[in-house]
Amino acid sequence: MQKKESFLINRLKSVGFAFKGMLILIKTEASIKVQLCIALVITCTGFYFDISKMEWIAQVTMIGLVMCAEGINTAVEAIADFIHPDYNKKIGLIKDVAAGAVFIASIAAVIIACIIYFPKF
């Protein structure tokens, strides 16, 4: 009988897998690279304008939301392509809906950025 690993060891392994997934996403997906560049620019802009703690919370939350949505969209597309590699109308709809979720998160992020930064110009 194999000894069961401890809760802590399992959590550390899970974090390792998640970190690996994040690195794969950043290395392989052009859209996440674009989002990362935007996040870096907006973060530098936040330091430049010395935004408030609440503005930082909103900004970091929106960056996280867009990045998460982008990652989930990538996973949905990969699963869809794996299940049905040829064009399929329903798979196309699923992929469009996943991309639409990223678009919604991105629009919300732009609105938050406008609320934070327009008054500073």
PDB file of N, CA and C in Angstrom:
ATOM      1  N   MET A   1       0.843  -1.190   0.000  1.00  0.00           N
ATOM      2  CA  MET A   1       0.000   0.000   0.000  1.00  0.00           C
ATOM      3  C   MET A   1       0.883   1.245   0.000  1.00  0.00           C
ATOM      4  N   GLN A   2       0.549   2.164  -0.887  1.00  0.00           N
ATOM      5  CA  GLN A   2       1.341   3.385  -1.013  1.00  0.00           C
ATOM      6  C   GLN A   2       0.913   4.397   0.055  1.00  0.00           C
ATOM      7  N   LYS A   3       1.910   5.043   0.661  1.00  0.00           N
ATOM      8  CA  LYS A   3       1.635   6.036   1.690  1.00  0.00           C
ATOM      9  C   LYS A   3       0.999   7.273   1.055  1.00  0.00           C
ATOM     10  N   LYS A   4      -0.070   7.766   1.679  1.00  0.00           N
ATOM     11  CA  LYS A   4      -0.760   8.962   1.194  1.00  0.00           C
ATOM     12  C   LYS A   4       0.061  10.198   1.564  1.00  0.00           C
ATOM     13  N   GLU A   5       0.191  11.112   0.576  1.00  0.00           N
ATOM     14  CA  GLU A   5       0.949  12.334   0.834  1.00  0.00           C
ATOM     15  C   GLU A   5       0.147  13.273   1.720  1.00  0.00           C
ATOM     16  N   SER A   6       0.857  14.116   2.430  1.00  0.00           N
ATOM     17  CA  SER A   6       0.196  15.038   3.352  1.00  0.00           C
ATOM     18  C   SER A   6      -0.568  16.127   2.595  1.00  0.00           C
ATOM     19  N   PHE A   7      -1.474  16.748   3.302  1.00  0.00           N
ATOM     20  CA  PHE A   7      -2.267  17.849   2.753  1.00  0.00           C
ATOM     21  C   PHE A   7      -1.350  18.952   2.241  1.00  0.00           C
ATOM     22  N   LEU A   8      -0.325  19.299   3.026  1.00  0.00           N
ATOM     23  CA  LEU A   8       0.599  20.371   2.650  1.00  0.00           C
ATOM     24  C   LEU A   8       1.356  20.028   1.368  1.00  0.00           C
ATOM     25  N   ILE A   9       1.842  18.815   1.260  1.00  0.00           N
ATOM     26  CA  ILE A   9       2.568  18.379   0.057  1.00  0.00           C
ATOM     27  C   ILE A   9       1.655  18.461  -1.157  1.00  0.00           C
ATOM     28  N   ASN A  10       0.409  18.010  -1.023  1.00  0.00           N
ATOM     29  CA  ASN A  10      -0.550  18.084  -2.129  1.00  0.00           C
ATOM     30  C   ASN A  10      -0.830  19.528  -2.534  1.00  0.00           C
ATOM     31  N   ARG A  11      -0.946  20.430  -1.562  1.00  0.00           N
ATOM     32  CA  ARG A  11      -1.185  21.841  -1.881  1.00  0.00           C
ATOM     33  C   ARG A  11       0.008  22.437  -2.599  1.00  0.00           C
ATOM     34  N   LEU A  12       1.216  22.115  -2.139  1.00  0.00           N
ATOM     35  CA  LEU A  12       2.425  22.624  -2.792  1.00  0.00           C
ATOM     36  C   LEU A  12       2.524  22.128  -4.231  1.00  0.00           C
ATOM     37  N   LYS A  13       2.169  20.863  -4.447  1.00  0.00           N
ATOM     38  CA  LYS A  13       2.158  20.327  -5.806  1.00  0.00           C
ATOM     39  C   LYS A  13       1.127  21.066  -6.664  1.00  0.00           C
ATOM     40  N   SER A  14      -0.034  21.335  -6.092  1.00  0.00           N
ATOM     41  CA  SER A  14      -1.086  22.050  -6.824  1.00  0.00           C
ATOM     42  C   SER A  14      -0.614  23.445  -7.230  1.00  0.00           C
ATOM     43  N   VAL A  15       0.061  24.132  -6.322  1.00  0.00           N
ATOM     44  CA  VAL A  15       0.600  25.456  -6.634  1.00  0.00           C
ATOM     45  C   VAL A  15       1.642  25.341  -7.752  1.00  0.00           C
ATOM     46  N   GLY A  16       2.451  24.308  -7.701  1.00  0.00           N
ATOM     47  CA  GLY A  16       3.449  24.086  -8.747  1.00  0.00           C
ATOM     48  C   GLY A  16       2.801  23.876 -10.110  1.00  0.00           C
ATOM     49  N   PHE A  17       1.727  23.068 -10.156  1.00  0.00           N
ATOM     50  CA  PHE A  17       1.010  22.847 -11.416  1.00  0.00           C
ATOM     51  C   PHE A  17       0.380  24.140 -11.918  1.00  0.00           C
ATOM     52  N   ALA A  18      -0.180  24.919 -11.007  1.00  0.00           N
ATOM     53  CA  ALA A  18      -0.800  26.193 -11.393  1.00  0.00           C
ATOM     54  C   ALA A  18       0.248  27.162 -11.944  1.00  0.00           C
ATOM     55  N   PHE A  19       1.406  27.214 -11.289  1.00  0.00           N
ATOM     56  CA  PHE A  19       2.494  28.085 -11.752  1.00  0.00           C
ATOM     57  C   PHE A  19       2.963  27.647 -13.137  1.00  0.00           C
ATOM     58  N   LYS A  20       3.102  26.342 -13.328  1.00  0.00           N
ATOM     59  CA  LYS A  20       3.489  25.791 -14.633  1.00  0.00           C
ATOM     60  C   LYS A  20       2.470  26.190 -15.699  1.00  0.00           C
ATOM     61  N   GLY A  21       1.187  26.083 -15.374  1.00  0.00           N
ATOM     62  CA  GLY A  21       0.137  26.471 -16.309  1.00  0.00           C
ATOM     63  C   GLY A  21       0.202  27.943 -16.665  1.00  0.00           C
ATOM     64  N   MET A  22       0.466  28.784 -15.664  1.00  0.00           N
ATOM     65  CA  MET A  22       0.594  30.216 -15.914  1.00  0.00           C
ATOM     66  C   MET A  22       1.762  30.492 -16.865  1.00  0.00           C
ATOM     67  N   LEU A  23       2.896  29.852 -16.641  1.00  0.00           N
ATOM     68  CA  LEU A  23       4.062  30.048 -17.509  1.00  0.00           C
ATOM     69  C   LEU A  23       3.786  29.573 -18.935  1.00  0.00           C
ATOM     70  N   ILE A  24       3.102  28.436 -19.074  1.00  0.00           N
ATOM     71  CA  ILE A  24       2.742  27.938 -20.405  1.00  0.00           C
ATOM     72  C   ILE A  24       1.843  28.947 -21.103  1.00  0.00           C
ATOM     73  N   LEU A  25       0.880  29.472 -20.383  1.00  0.00           N
ATOM     74  CA  LEU A  25      -0.041  30.464 -20.938  1.00  0.00           C
ATOM     75  C   LEU A  25       0.724  31.691 -21.426  1.00  0.00           C
ATOM     76  N   ILE A  26       1.626  32.198 -20.603  1.00  0.00           N
ATOM     77  CA  ILE A  26       2.395  33.396 -20.965  1.00  0.00           C
ATOM     78  C   ILE A  26       3.325  33.125 -22.143  1.00  0.00           C
ATOM     79  N   LYS A  27       3.943  31.952 -22.177  1.00  0.00           N
ATOM     80  CA  LYS A  27       4.900  31.635 -23.239  1.00  0.00           C
ATOM     81  C   LYS A  27       4.226  31.353 -24.578  1.00  0.00           C
ATOM     82  N   THR A  28       3.013  30.806 -24.552  1.00  0.00           N
ATOM     83  CA  THR A  28       2.433  30.299 -25.795  1.00  0.00           C
ATOM     84  C   THR A  28       1.293  31.136 -26.365  1.00  0.00           C
ATOM     85  N   GLU A  29       0.686  32.009 -25.597  1.00  0.00           N
ATOM     86  CA  GLU A  29      -0.504  32.719 -26.058  1.00  0.00           C
ATOM     87  C   GLU A  29      -0.213  34.199 -26.327  1.00  0.00           C
ATOM     88  N   ALA A  30      -0.377  34.595 -27.575  1.00  0.00           N
ATOM     89  CA  ALA A  30      -0.136  35.989 -27.956  1.00  0.00           C
ATOM     90  C   ALA A  30      -1.080  36.936 -27.219  1.00  0.00           C
ATOM     91  N   SER A  31      -2.329  36.526 -27.049  1.00  0.00           N
ATOM     92  CA  SER A  31      -3.309  37.417 -26.410  1.00  0.00           C
ATOM     93  C   SER A  31      -2.942  37.707 -24.954  1.00  0.00           C
ATOM     94  N   ILE A  32      -2.408  36.740 -24.252  1.00  0.00           N
ATOM     95  CA  ILE A  32      -2.027  36.973 -22.850  1.00  0.00           C
ATOM     96  C   ILE A  32      -0.783  37.858 -22.796  1.00  0.00           C
ATOM     97  N   LYS A  33       0.087  37.751 -23.804  1.00  0.00           N
ATOM     98  CA  LYS A  33       1.259  38.631 -23.860  1.00  0.00           C
ATOM     99  C   LYS A  33       0.824  40.086 -24.036  1.00  0.00           C
ATOM    100  N   VAL A  34      -0.174  40.303 -24.892  1.00  0.00           N
ATOM    101  CA  VAL A  34      -0.717  41.650 -25.079  1.00  0.00           C
ATOM    102  C   VAL A  34      -1.322  42.145 -23.772  1.00  0.00           C
ATOM    103  N   GLN A  35      -2.106  41.294 -23.107  1.00  0.00           N
ATOM    104  CA  GLN A  35      -2.729  41.676 -21.834  1.00  0.00           C
ATOM    105  C   GLN A  35      -1.664  41.994 -20.783  1.00  0.00           C
ATOM    106  N   LEU A  36      -0.591  41.222 -20.764  1.00  0.00           N
ATOM    107  CA  LEU A  36       0.506  41.484 -19.809  1.00  0.00           C
ATOM    108  C   LEU A  36       1.166  42.829 -20.083  1.00  0.00           C
ATOM    109  N   CYS A  37       1.384  43.145 -21.344  1.00  0.00           N
ATOM    110  CA  CYS A  37       1.981  44.446 -21.692  1.00  0.00           C
ATOM    111  C   CYS A  37       1.071  45.588 -21.248  1.00  0.00           C
ATOM    112  N   ILE A  38      -0.218  45.446 -21.505  1.00  0.00           N
ATOM    113  CA  ILE A  38      -1.182  46.460 -21.067  1.00  0.00           C
ATOM    114  C   ILE A  38      -1.161  46.572 -19.545  1.00  0.00           C
ATOM    115  N   ALA A  39      -1.111  45.433 -18.858  1.00  0.00           N
ATOM    116  CA  ALA A  39      -1.081  45.435 -17.390  1.00  0.00           C
ATOM    117  C   ALA A  39       0.160  46.156 -16.871  1.00  0.00           C
ATOM    118  N   LEU A  40       1.303  45.918 -17.504  1.00  0.00           N
ATOM    119  CA  LEU A  40       2.543  46.588 -17.083  1.00  0.00           C
ATOM    120  C   LEU A  40       2.456  48.092 -17.306  1.00  0.00           C
ATOM    121  N   VAL A  41       1.935  48.509 -18.454  1.00  0.00           N
ATOM    122  CA  VAL A  41       1.798  49.943 -18.741  1.00  0.00           C
ATOM    123  C   VAL A  41       0.859  50.596 -17.738  1.00  0.00           C
ATOM    124  N   ILE A  42      -0.270  49.960 -17.488  1.00  0.00           N
ATOM    125  CA  ILE A  42      -1.267  50.535 -16.573  1.00  0.00           C
ATOM    126  C   ILE A  42      -0.732  50.546 -15.140  1.00  0.00           C
ATOM    127  N   THR A  43       0.073  49.541 -14.782  1.00  0.00           N
ATOM    128  CA  THR A  43       0.684  49.515 -13.445  1.00  0.00           C
ATOM    129  C   THR A  43       1.689  50.655 -13.303  1.00  0.00           C
ATOM    130  N   CYS A  44       2.526  50.857 -14.301  1.00  0.00           N
ATOM    131  CA  CYS A  44       3.474  51.988 -14.280  1.00  0.00           C
ATOM    132  C   CYS A  44       2.721  53.318 -14.217  1.00  0.00           C
ATOM    133  N   THR A  45       1.615  53.395 -14.953  1.00  0.00           N
ATOM    134  CA  THR A  45       0.792  54.606 -14.928  1.00  0.00           C
ATOM    135  C   THR A  45       0.236  54.846 -13.523  1.00  0.00           C
ATOM    136  N   GLY A  46      -0.150  53.778 -12.859  1.00  0.00           N
ATOM    137  CA  GLY A  46      -0.641  53.895 -11.478  1.00  0.00           C
ATOM    138  C   GLY A  46       0.416  54.465 -10.545  1.00  0.00           C
ATOM    139  N   PHE A  47       1.657  54.002 -10.696  1.00  0.00           N
ATOM    140  CA  PHE A  47       2.738  54.554  -9.879  1.00  0.00           C
ATOM    141  C   PHE A  47       3.002  56.015 -10.236  1.00  0.00           C
ATOM    142  N   TYR A  48       2.976  56.317 -11.521  1.00  0.00           N
ATOM    143  CA  TYR A  48       3.237  57.688 -11.968  1.00  0.00           C
ATOM    144  C   TYR A  48       2.223  58.668 -11.375  1.00  0.00           C
ATOM    145  N   PHE A  49       0.953  58.289 -11.415  1.00  0.00           N
ATOM    146  CA  PHE A  49      -0.102  59.175 -10.919  1.00  0.00           C
ATOM    147  C   PHE A  49      -0.381  58.997  -9.427  1.00  0.00           C
ATOM    148  N   ASP A  50       0.360  58.108  -8.773  1.00  0.00           N
ATOM    149  CA  ASP A  50       0.205  57.868  -7.338  1.00  0.00           C
ATOM    150  C   ASP A  50      -1.277  57.652  -6.982  1.00  0.00           C
ATOM    151  N   ILE A  51      -1.878  56.652  -7.636  1.00  0.00           N
ATOM    152  CA  ILE A  51      -3.302  56.402  -7.416  1.00  0.00           C
ATOM    153  C   ILE A  51      -3.555  55.910  -5.990  1.00  0.00           C
ATOM    154  N   SER A  52      -4.781  56.072  -5.549  1.00  0.00           N
ATOM    155  CA  SER A  52      -5.150  55.725  -4.174  1.00  0.00           C
ATOM    156  C   SER A  52      -5.198  54.207  -3.978  1.00  0.00           C
ATOM    157  N   LYS A  53      -5.295  53.808  -2.722  1.00  0.00           N
ATOM    158  CA  LYS A  53      -5.380  52.389  -2.394  1.00  0.00           C
ATOM    159  C   LYS A  53      -6.612  51.752  -3.051  1.00  0.00           C
ATOM    160  N   MET A  54      -7.741  52.431  -3.009  1.00  0.00           N
ATOM    161  CA  MET A  54      -8.959  51.890  -3.630  1.00  0.00           C
ATOM    162  C   MET A  54      -8.819  51.801  -5.152  1.00  0.00           C
ATOM    163  N   GLU A  55      -8.132  52.763  -5.752  1.00  0.00           N
ATOM    164  CA  GLU A  55      -7.887  52.705  -7.193  1.00  0.00           C
ATOM    165  C   GLU A  55      -6.970  51.532  -7.548  1.00  0.00           C
ATOM    166  N   TRP A  56      -5.966  51.286  -6.683  1.00  0.00           N
ATOM    167  CA  TRP A  56      -5.093  50.124  -6.893  1.00  0.00           C
ATOM    168  C   TRP A  56      -5.898  48.833  -6.785  1.00  0.00           C
ATOM    169  N   ILE A  57      -6.783  48.765  -5.800  1.00  0.00           N
ATOM    170  CA  ILE A  57      -7.607  47.557  -5.635  1.00  0.00           C
ATOM    171  C   ILE A  57      -8.443  47.316  -6.884  1.00  0.00           C
ATOM    172  N   ALA A  58      -9.076  48.366  -7.391  1.00  0.00           N
ATOM    173  CA  ALA A  58      -9.889  48.237  -8.608  1.00  0.00           C
ATOM    174  C   ALA A  58      -9.017  47.822  -9.794  1.00  0.00           C
ATOM    175  N   GLN A  59      -7.870  48.466  -9.922  1.00  0.00           N
ATOM    176  CA  GLN A  59      -6.988  48.191 -11.060  1.00  0.00           C
ATOM    177  C   GLN A  59      -6.450  46.760 -11.025  1.00  0.00           C
ATOM    178  N   VAL A  60      -5.944  46.338  -9.893  1.00  0.00           N
ATOM    179  CA  VAL A  60      -5.399  44.981  -9.773  1.00  0.00           C
ATOM    180  C   VAL A  60      -6.498  43.938  -9.963  1.00  0.00           C
ATOM    181  N   THR A  61      -7.675  44.212  -9.434  1.00  0.00           N
ATOM    182  CA  THR A  61      -8.808  43.298  -9.609  1.00  0.00           C
ATOM    183  C   THR A  61      -9.149  43.140 -11.088  1.00  0.00           C
ATOM    184  N   MET A  62      -9.192  44.250 -11.808  1.00  0.00           N
ATOM    185  CA  MET A  62      -9.540  44.184 -13.227  1.00  0.00           C
ATOM    186  C   MET A  62      -8.440  43.505 -14.046  1.00  0.00           C
ATOM    187  N   ILE A  63      -7.192  43.759 -13.715  1.00  0.00           N
ATOM    188  CA  ILE A  63      -6.091  43.072 -14.401  1.00  0.00           C
ATOM    189  C   ILE A  63      -6.221  41.569 -14.166  1.00  0.00           C
ATOM    190  N   GLY A  64      -6.450  41.180 -12.925  1.00  0.00           N
ATOM    191  CA  GLY A  64      -6.620  39.763 -12.598  1.00  0.00           C
ATOM    192  C   GLY A  64      -7.815  39.148 -13.310  1.00  0.00           C
ATOM    193  N   LEU A  65      -8.918  39.887 -13.358  1.00  0.00           N
ATOM    194  CA  LEU A  65     -10.123  39.382 -14.015  1.00  0.00           C
ATOM    195  C   LEU A  65      -9.878  39.139 -15.505  1.00  0.00           C
ATOM    196  N   VAL A  66      -9.262  40.096 -16.172  1.00  0.00           N
ATOM    197  CA  VAL A  66      -9.006  39.948 -17.609  1.00  0.00           C
ATOM    198  C   VAL A  66      -8.034  38.792 -17.862  1.00  0.00           C
ATOM    199  N   MET A  67      -6.977  38.694 -17.061  1.00  0.00           N
ATOM    200  CA  MET A  67      -6.006  37.604 -17.235  1.00  0.00           C
ATOM    201  C   MET A  67      -6.658  36.241 -16.982  1.00  0.00           C
ATOM    202  N   CYS A  68      -7.481  36.150 -15.942  1.00  0.00           N
ATOM    203  CA  CYS A  68      -8.189  34.891 -15.664  1.00  0.00           C
ATOM    204  C   CYS A  68      -9.130  34.531 -16.805  1.00  0.00           C
ATOM    205  N   ALA A  69      -9.889  35.499 -17.279  1.00  0.00           N
ATOM    206  CA  ALA A  69     -10.811  35.244 -18.384  1.00  0.00           C
ATOM    207  C   ALA A  69     -10.039  34.791 -19.619  1.00  0.00           C
ATOM    208  N   GLU A  70      -8.903  35.405 -19.874  1.00  0.00           N
ATOM    209  CA  GLU A  70      -8.072  35.031 -21.023  1.00  0.00           C
ATOM    210  C   GLU A  70      -7.572  33.592 -20.874  1.00  0.00           C
ATOM    211  N   GLY A  71      -7.153  33.224 -19.675  1.00  0.00           N
ATOM    212  CA  GLY A  71      -6.691  31.858 -19.424  1.00  0.00           C
ATOM    213  C   GLY A  71      -7.802  30.840 -19.591  1.00  0.00           C
ATOM    214  N   ILE A  72      -8.972  31.146 -19.052  1.00  0.00           N
ATOM    215  CA  ILE A  72     -10.112  30.238 -19.195  1.00  0.00           C
ATOM    216  C   ILE A  72     -10.519  30.129 -20.664  1.00  0.00           C
ATOM    217  N   ASN A  73     -10.517  31.241 -21.386  1.00  0.00           N
ATOM    218  CA  ASN A  73     -10.824  31.217 -22.817  1.00  0.00           C
ATOM    219  C   ASN A  73      -9.847  30.314 -23.566  1.00  0.00           C
ATOM    220  N   THR A  74      -8.582  30.419 -23.247  1.00  0.00           N
ATOM    221  CA  THR A  74      -7.567  29.588 -23.890  1.00  0.00           C
ATOM    222  C   THR A  74      -7.820  28.111 -23.602  1.00  0.00           C
ATOM    223  N   ALA A  75      -8.162  27.797 -22.346  1.00  0.00           N
ATOM    224  CA  ALA A  75      -8.446  26.409 -21.975  1.00  0.00           C
ATOM    225  C   ALA A  75      -9.689  25.887 -22.700  1.00  0.00           C
ATOM    226  N   VAL A  76     -10.735  26.699 -22.770  1.00  0.00           N
ATOM    227  CA  VAL A  76     -11.962  26.302 -23.467  1.00  0.00           C
ATOM    228  C   VAL A  76     -11.652  26.029 -24.942  1.00  0.00           C
ATOM    229  N   GLU A  77     -10.885  26.915 -25.565  1.00  0.00           N
ATOM    230  CA  GLU A  77     -10.536  26.727 -26.973  1.00  0.00           C
ATOM    231  C   GLU A  77      -9.714  25.452 -27.181  1.00  0.00           C
ATOM    232  N   ALA A  78      -8.775  25.183 -26.277  1.00  0.00           N
ATOM    233  CA  ALA A  78      -7.952  23.977 -26.396  1.00  0.00           C
ATOM    234  C   ALA A  78      -8.802  22.714 -26.246  1.00  0.00           C
ATOM    235  N   ILE A  79      -9.708  22.724 -25.283  1.00  0.00           N
ATOM    236  CA  ILE A  79     -10.594  21.566 -25.094  1.00  0.00           C
ATOM    237  C   ILE A  79     -11.495  21.378 -26.312  1.00  0.00           C
ATOM    238  N   ALA A  80     -12.050  22.480 -26.796  1.00  0.00           N
ATOM    239  CA  ALA A  80     -12.937  22.412 -27.961  1.00  0.00           C
ATOM    240  C   ALA A  80     -12.190  21.865 -29.179  1.00  0.00           C
ATOM    241  N   ASP A  81     -10.971  22.350 -29.403  1.00  0.00           N
ATOM    242  CA  ASP A  81     -10.176  21.868 -30.535  1.00  0.00           C
ATOM    243  C   ASP A  81      -9.793  20.404 -30.370  1.00  0.00           C
ATOM    244  N   PHE A  82      -9.555  19.976 -29.147  1.00  0.00           N
ATOM    245  CA  PHE A  82      -9.211  18.577 -28.872  1.00  0.00           C
ATOM    246  C   PHE A  82     -10.413  17.668 -29.133  1.00  0.00           C
ATOM    247  N   ILE A  83     -11.567  18.101 -28.673  1.00  0.00           N
ATOM    248  CA  ILE A  83     -12.785  17.294 -28.833  1.00  0.00           C
ATOM    249  C   ILE A  83     -13.218  17.226 -30.289  1.00  0.00           C
ATOM    250  N   HIS A  84     -13.121  18.361 -30.970  1.00  0.00           N
ATOM    251  CA  HIS A  84     -13.599  18.422 -32.358  1.00  0.00           C
ATOM    252  C   HIS A  84     -12.627  19.262 -33.188  1.00  0.00           C
ATOM    253  N   PRO A  85     -11.551  18.642 -33.703  1.00  0.00           N
ATOM    254  CA  PRO A  85     -10.522  19.397 -34.430  1.00  0.00           C
ATOM    255  C   PRO A  85     -11.016  20.062 -35.717  1.00  0.00           C
ATOM    256  N   ASP A  86     -12.000  19.477 -36.356  1.00  0.00           N
ATOM    257  CA  ASP A  86     -12.551  20.067 -37.578  1.00  0.00           C
ATOM    258  C   ASP A  86     -13.563  21.135 -37.218  1.00  0.00           C
ATOM    259  N   TYR A  87     -13.843  22.011 -38.195  1.00  0.00           N
ATOM    260  CA  TYR A  87     -14.830  23.067 -37.941  1.00  0.00           C
ATOM    261  C   TYR A  87     -16.175  22.453 -37.585  1.00  0.00           C
ATOM    262  N   ASN A  88     -16.780  23.016 -36.555  1.00  0.00           N
ATOM    263  CA  ASN A  88     -18.106  22.598 -36.119  1.00  0.00           C
ATOM    264  C   ASN A  88     -18.830  23.847 -35.635  1.00  0.00           C
ATOM    265  N   LYS A  89     -20.042  24.029 -36.101  1.00  0.00           N
ATOM    266  CA  LYS A  89     -20.801  25.242 -35.774  1.00  0.00           C
ATOM    267  C   LYS A  89     -20.991  25.406 -34.257  1.00  0.00           C
ATOM    268  N   LYS A  90     -21.310  24.342 -33.546  1.00  0.00           N
ATOM    269  CA  LYS A  90     -21.534  24.433 -32.092  1.00  0.00           C
ATOM    270  C   LYS A  90     -20.227  24.709 -31.342  1.00  0.00           C
ATOM    271  N   ILE A  91     -19.150  24.087 -31.790  1.00  0.00           N
ATOM    272  CA  ILE A  91     -17.843  24.359 -31.170  1.00  0.00           C
ATOM    273  C   ILE A  91     -17.461  25.816 -31.417  1.00  0.00           C
ATOM    274  N   GLY A  92     -17.728  26.304 -32.628  1.00  0.00           N
ATOM    275  CA  GLY A  92     -17.468  27.709 -32.935  1.00  0.00           C
ATOM    276  C   GLY A  92     -18.243  28.638 -32.019  1.00  0.00           C
ATOM    277  N   LEU A  93     -19.501  28.296 -31.754  1.00  0.00           N
ATOM    278  CA  LEU A  93     -20.331  29.091 -30.841  1.00  0.00           C
ATOM    279  C   LEU A  93     -19.740  29.091 -29.434  1.00  0.00           C
ATOM    280  N   ILE A  94     -19.310  27.926 -28.965  1.00  0.00           N
ATOM    281  CA  ILE A  94     -18.700  27.813 -27.630  1.00  0.00           C
ATOM    282  C   ILE A  94     -17.454  28.700 -27.541  1.00  0.00           C
ATOM    283  N   LYS A  95     -16.624  28.638 -28.568  1.00  0.00           N
ATOM    284  CA  LYS A  95     -15.396  29.444 -28.578  1.00  0.00           C
ATOM    285  C   LYS A  95     -15.713  30.940 -28.636  1.00  0.00           C
ATOM    286  N   ASP A  96     -16.740  31.299 -29.404  1.00  0.00           N
ATOM    287  CA  ASP A  96     -17.147  32.705 -29.478  1.00  0.00           C
ATOM    288  C   ASP A  96     -17.651  33.212 -28.134  1.00  0.00           C
ATOM    289  N   VAL A  97     -18.417  32.386 -27.427  1.00  0.00           N
ATOM    290  CA  VAL A  97     -18.938  32.782 -26.119  1.00  0.00           C
ATOM    291  C   VAL A  97     -17.789  32.971 -25.123  1.00  0.00           C
ATOM    292  N   ALA A  98     -16.813  32.062 -25.148  1.00  0.00           N
ATOM    293  CA  ALA A  98     -15.652  32.196 -24.261  1.00  0.00           C
ATOM    294  C   ALA A  98     -14.870  33.477 -24.578  1.00  0.00           C
ATOM    295  N   ALA A  99     -14.700  33.759 -25.857  1.00  0.00           N
ATOM    296  CA  ALA A  99     -14.011  34.999 -26.252  1.00  0.00           C
ATOM    297  C   ALA A  99     -14.838  36.216 -25.849  1.00  0.00           C
ATOM    298  N   GLY A 100     -16.158  36.093 -25.928  1.00  0.00           N
ATOM    299  CA  GLY A 100     -17.040  37.181 -25.504  1.00  0.00           C
ATOM    300  C   GLY A 100     -16.878  37.501 -24.025  1.00  0.00           C
ATOM    301  N   ALA A 101     -16.641  36.482 -23.215  1.00  0.00           N
ATOM    302  CA  ALA A 101     -16.426  36.707 -21.777  1.00  0.00           C
ATOM    303  C   ALA A 101     -15.160  37.539 -21.550  1.00  0.00           C
ATOM    304  N   VAL A 102     -14.118  37.254 -22.320  1.00  0.00           N
ATOM    305  CA  VAL A 102     -12.886  38.052 -22.224  1.00  0.00           C
ATOM    306  C   VAL A 102     -13.173  39.485 -22.637  1.00  0.00           C
ATOM    307  N   PHE A 103     -13.969  39.645 -23.688  1.00  0.00           N
ATOM    308  CA  PHE A 103     -14.313  40.976 -24.183  1.00  0.00           C
ATOM    309  C   PHE A 103     -15.075  41.773 -23.124  1.00  0.00           C
ATOM    310  N   ILE A 104     -16.023  41.131 -22.449  1.00  0.00           N
ATOM    311  CA  ILE A 104     -16.784  41.798 -21.385  1.00  0.00           C
ATOM    312  C   ILE A 104     -15.847  42.244 -20.263  1.00  0.00           C
ATOM    313  N   ALA A 105     -14.947  41.350 -19.838  1.00  0.00           N
ATOM    314  CA  ALA A 105     -13.991  41.705 -18.784  1.00  0.00           C
ATOM    315  C   ALA A 105     -13.099  42.857 -19.233  1.00  0.00           C
ATOM    316  N   SER A 106     -12.692  42.841 -20.492  1.00  0.00           N
ATOM    317  CA  SER A 106     -11.831  43.903 -21.020  1.00  0.00           C
ATOM    318  C   SER A 106     -12.555  45.245 -21.066  1.00  0.00           C
ATOM    319  N   ILE A 107     -13.817  45.235 -21.467  1.00  0.00           N
ATOM    320  CA  ILE A 107     -14.598  46.478 -21.483  1.00  0.00           C
ATOM    321  C   ILE A 107     -14.722  47.031 -20.064  1.00  0.00           C
ATOM    322  N   ALA A 108     -15.008  46.160 -19.109  1.00  0.00           N
ATOM    323  CA  ALA A 108     -15.105  46.606 -17.711  1.00  0.00           C
ATOM    324  C   ALA A 108     -13.771  47.191 -17.245  1.00  0.00           C
ATOM    325  N   ALA A 109     -12.669  46.559 -17.633  1.00  0.00           N
ATOM    326  CA  ALA A 109     -11.342  47.056 -17.244  1.00  0.00           C
ATOM    327  C   ALA A 109     -11.068  48.433 -17.844  1.00  0.00           C
ATOM    328  N   VAL A 110     -11.446  48.629 -19.093  1.00  0.00           N
ATOM    329  CA  VAL A 110     -11.250  49.933 -19.742  1.00  0.00           C
ATOM    330  C   VAL A 110     -12.098  50.996 -19.043  1.00  0.00           C
ATOM    331  N   ILE A 111     -13.318  50.655 -18.692  1.00  0.00           N
ATOM    332  CA  ILE A 111     -14.189  51.612 -17.984  1.00  0.00           C
ATOM    333  C   ILE A 111     -13.574  51.997 -16.642  1.00  0.00           C
ATOM    334  N   ILE A 112     -13.082  51.013 -15.896  1.00  0.00           N
ATOM    335  CA  ILE A 112     -12.433  51.292 -14.606  1.00  0.00           C
ATOM    336  C   ILE A 112     -11.202  52.177 -14.828  1.00  0.00           C
ATOM    337  N   ALA A 113     -10.401  51.865 -15.853  1.00  0.00           N
ATOM    338  CA  ALA A 113      -9.210  52.683 -16.139  1.00  0.00           C
ATOM    339  C   ALA A 113      -9.611  54.118 -16.468  1.00  0.00           C
ATOM    340  N   CYS A 114     -10.679  54.292 -17.226  1.00  0.00           N
ATOM    341  CA  CYS A 114     -11.147  55.646 -17.557  1.00  0.00           C
ATOM    342  C   CYS A 114     -11.601  56.393 -16.297  1.00  0.00           C
ATOM    343  N   ILE A 115     -12.300  55.692 -15.415  1.00  0.00           N
ATOM    344  CA  ILE A 115     -12.757  56.322 -14.164  1.00  0.00           C
ATOM    345  C   ILE A 115     -11.550  56.756 -13.319  1.00  0.00           C
ATOM    346  N   ILE A 116     -10.513  55.907 -13.303  1.00  0.00           N
ATOM    347  CA  ILE A 116      -9.324  56.230 -12.503  1.00  0.00           C
ATOM    348  C   ILE A 116      -8.502  57.346 -13.142  1.00  0.00           C
ATOM    349  N   TYR A 117      -8.261  57.266 -14.456  1.00  0.00           N
ATOM    350  CA  TYR A 117      -7.237  58.110 -15.076  1.00  0.00           C
ATOM    351  C   TYR A 117      -7.753  59.376 -15.767  1.00  0.00           C
ATOM    352  N   PHE A 118      -8.976  59.414 -16.268  1.00  0.00           N
ATOM    353  CA  PHE A 118      -9.442  60.634 -16.927  1.00  0.00           C
ATOM    354  C   PHE A 118      -9.353  61.862 -16.033  1.00  0.00           C
ATOM    355  N   PRO A 119      -9.741  61.774 -14.761  1.00  0.00           N
ATOM    356  CA  PRO A 119      -9.632  62.966 -13.913  1.00  0.00           C
ATOM    357  C   PRO A 119      -8.191  63.449 -13.675  1.00  0.00           C
ATOM    358  N   LYS A 120      -7.221  62.581 -13.942  1.00  0.00           N
ATOM    359  CA  LYS A 120      -5.827  62.931 -13.685  1.00  0.00           C
ATOM    360  C   LYS A 120      -5.185  63.669 -14.853  1.00  0.00           C
ATOM    361  N   PHE A 121      -5.889  63.725 -15.993  1.00  0.00           N
ATOM    362  CA  PHE A 121      -5.332  64.405 -17.168  1.00  0.00           C
ATOM    363  C   PHE A 121      -5.804  65.818 -17.252  1.00  0.00           C
TER     364      PHE A 121
END
